[in-house]
Amino acid sequence: MKPALLLRPLLAALSSALPPVPPSSATALALRSGCNQSACPDGRFGLDLWSVWAHNFAWLTELRWRGECGCHAFAVDTLAGCKTFTICTGTHSVCLDWRAGRGHWIDPQGKKTCYSLKNDYVCGTRGWQAWPTEEVECTW
């Protein structure tokens, strides 16, 4: 585990120069850009983890999903990064193990697709994100 993961967001949250965009004045593009994320992941694989440092000194993490049924965001534990969910196409299971740099998605037919992951702080460390970079062989 990266020790700075727990400390850097606190410092950033106390001194961030990036004000949030009020929802009433944000365009659809602004809501999906940089520091004002929507339920839609930005990457080409259609899934990621998005975390923000909350006022109660804890990470609030969502697994974001984009597919045939639109975009969805599901609350997950930051350390586990796993969620099984049912949407219009069936039941999906996703685990993004950012500490190991790998993740997988099991589709409703049981096919497992695996990914390598990267993670980093975003928005001046106000947020944190983990995302797939490429599809890889499933060896776990």
Protein backbone atom coordinates (compact mmCIF):
# COMPACT_ATOMS: atom_id res chain seq x y z
CA MET A 1 0.00 0.00 0.00
CA LYS A 2 1.23 3.48 -0.77
CA PRO A 3 1.66 5.31 2.58
CA ALA A 4 1.04 8.68 0.95
CA LEU A 5 -2.38 7.48 -0.18
CA LEU A 6 -3.80 8.19 3.26
CA LEU A 7 -2.06 11.51 3.94
CA ARG A 8 -1.90 13.49 0.70
CA PRO A 9 -5.68 13.89 0.20
CA LEU A 10 -6.09 15.38 3.67
CA LEU A 11 -3.53 18.06 2.93
CA ALA A 12 -5.07 18.70 -0.47
CA ALA A 13 -8.59 18.89 0.92
CA LEU A 14 -7.51 21.56 3.37
CA SER A 15 -5.73 23.71 0.80
CA SER A 16 -7.33 23.02 -2.59
CA ALA A 17 -7.49 25.98 -4.95
CA LEU A 18 -9.94 24.24 -7.28
CA PRO A 19 -13.52 25.18 -6.43
CA PRO A 20 -16.26 22.75 -7.42
CA VAL A 21 -18.57 23.73 -10.26
CA PRO A 22 -22.11 24.33 -8.93
CA PRO A 23 -24.41 21.74 -10.58
CA SER A 24 -26.88 24.42 -11.61
CA SER A 25 -24.28 26.18 -13.76
CA ALA A 26 -22.35 23.17 -15.08
CA THR A 27 -22.69 21.99 -18.65
CA ALA A 28 -22.92 18.27 -19.44
CA LEU A 29 -19.26 18.37 -20.48
CA ALA A 30 -18.19 20.16 -17.29
CA LEU A 31 -19.95 17.55 -15.16
CA ARG A 32 -17.82 14.84 -16.78
CA SER A 33 -14.51 16.68 -16.82
CA GLY A 34 -11.55 16.52 -14.47
CA CYS A 35 -12.69 17.44 -10.99
CA ASN A 36 -16.42 17.21 -11.65
CA GLN A 37 -16.88 13.54 -12.48
CA SER A 38 -20.17 11.93 -13.41
CA ALA A 39 -21.19 8.27 -13.24
CA CYS A 40 -19.43 7.70 -16.59
CA PRO A 41 -15.81 6.53 -16.63
CA ASP A 42 -13.55 8.39 -19.05
CA GLY A 43 -11.44 5.50 -20.33
CA ARG A 44 -12.02 3.26 -23.34
CA PHE A 45 -12.70 0.14 -21.22
CA GLY A 46 -15.88 1.51 -19.64
CA LEU A 47 -14.98 1.00 -15.98
CA ASP A 48 -12.85 2.61 -13.28
CA LEU A 49 -12.64 3.53 -9.60
CA TRP A 50 -13.19 7.17 -8.64
CA SER A 51 -12.59 8.38 -5.06
CA VAL A 52 -12.97 11.69 -3.31
CA TRP A 53 -11.71 12.66 0.12
CA ALA A 54 -14.76 13.40 2.27
CA HIS A 55 -15.24 15.84 5.11
CA ASN A 56 -15.34 12.93 7.57
CA PHE A 57 -11.69 12.13 6.71
CA ALA A 58 -12.52 9.03 4.69
CA TRP A 59 -12.40 8.07 1.04
CA LEU A 60 -15.74 7.76 -0.74
CA THR A 61 -15.14 5.39 -3.64
CA GLU A 62 -17.33 4.43 -6.57
CA LEU A 63 -16.96 1.79 -9.23
CA ARG A 64 -18.07 3.58 -12.39
CA TRP A 65 -19.49 1.56 -15.28
CA ARG A 66 -20.46 2.46 -18.85
CA GLY A 67 -22.23 -0.02 -21.11
CA GLU A 68 -25.36 -0.78 -23.12
CA CYS A 69 -27.56 0.29 -20.17
CA GLY A 70 -25.87 3.68 -19.80
CA CYS A 71 -23.61 4.84 -16.98
CA HIS A 72 -23.79 3.70 -13.37
CA ALA A 73 -21.81 4.42 -10.20
CA PHE A 74 -21.76 1.91 -7.35
CA ALA A 75 -20.33 2.55 -3.88
CA VAL A 76 -17.44 0.20 -3.09
CA ASP A 77 -14.83 -0.25 -0.39
CA THR A 78 -11.68 1.63 -1.45
CA LEU A 79 -9.34 -1.22 -0.56
CA ALA A 80 -11.40 -4.03 -2.12
CA GLY A 81 -12.66 -2.29 -5.29
CA CYS A 82 -15.13 -5.12 -5.99
CA LYS A 83 -18.81 -5.09 -6.84
CA THR A 84 -21.36 -7.52 -8.24
CA PHE A 85 -24.33 -5.72 -9.76
CA THR A 86 -27.34 -6.42 -11.94
CA ILE A 87 -28.33 -4.06 -14.75
CA CYS A 88 -30.37 -4.45 -17.95
CA THR A 89 -27.84 -6.85 -19.54
CA GLY A 90 -27.61 -9.17 -16.50
CA THR A 91 -25.34 -9.67 -13.50
CA HIS A 92 -21.76 -8.43 -13.79
CA SER A 93 -18.88 -8.83 -11.35
CA VAL A 94 -15.95 -6.39 -11.33
CA CYS A 95 -12.84 -6.27 -9.13
CA LEU A 96 -10.21 -3.57 -9.56
CA ASP A 97 -7.28 -4.42 -7.28
CA TRP A 98 -5.34 -1.18 -7.66
CA ARG A 99 -2.66 -2.27 -5.17
CA ALA A 100 -1.76 -5.26 -7.35
CA GLY A 101 -2.24 -3.26 -10.57
CA ARG A 102 -4.80 -5.66 -11.99
CA GLY A 103 -8.53 -6.08 -12.36
CA HIS A 104 -11.17 -8.24 -13.93
CA TRP A 105 -14.75 -8.19 -15.18
CA ILE A 106 -16.97 -11.27 -15.34
CA ASP A 107 -19.86 -10.75 -17.75
CA PRO A 108 -23.36 -12.29 -17.37
CA GLN A 109 -22.31 -15.34 -19.44
CA GLY A 110 -19.35 -16.01 -17.11
CA LYS A 111 -16.59 -14.78 -19.44
CA LYS A 112 -13.71 -13.24 -17.48
CA THR A 113 -11.80 -10.30 -18.99
CA CYS A 114 -8.65 -9.07 -17.23
CA TYR A 115 -6.88 -5.72 -17.22
CA SER A 116 -3.71 -4.06 -16.05
CA LEU A 117 -4.42 -0.96 -13.94
CA LYS A 118 -2.84 2.38 -13.16
CA ASN A 119 -3.85 4.75 -10.38
CA ASP A 120 -3.05 8.32 -9.44
CA TYR A 121 -4.30 11.41 -7.68
CA VAL A 122 -6.32 13.85 -9.78
CA CYS A 123 -7.63 17.38 -9.33
CA GLY A 124 -4.67 18.54 -7.27
CA THR A 125 -5.02 15.40 -5.09
CA ARG A 126 -8.66 16.19 -4.25
CA GLY A 127 -9.58 12.95 -5.94
CA TRP A 128 -8.03 9.62 -6.79
CA GLN A 129 -8.67 7.30 -9.72
CA ALA A 130 -7.73 3.77 -10.82
CA TRP A 131 -8.34 2.75 -14.43
CA PRO A 132 -7.57 -0.09 -16.87
CA THR A 133 -4.75 0.57 -19.31
CA GLU A 134 -4.90 -2.62 -21.38
CA GLU A 135 -6.53 -6.01 -21.59
CA VAL A 136 -4.20 -8.79 -20.37
CA GLU A 137 -4.22 -12.55 -19.97
CA CYS A 138 -6.11 -13.74 -16.88
CA THR A 139 -3.51 -15.46 -14.71
CA TRP A 140 -5.28 -15.14 -11.35
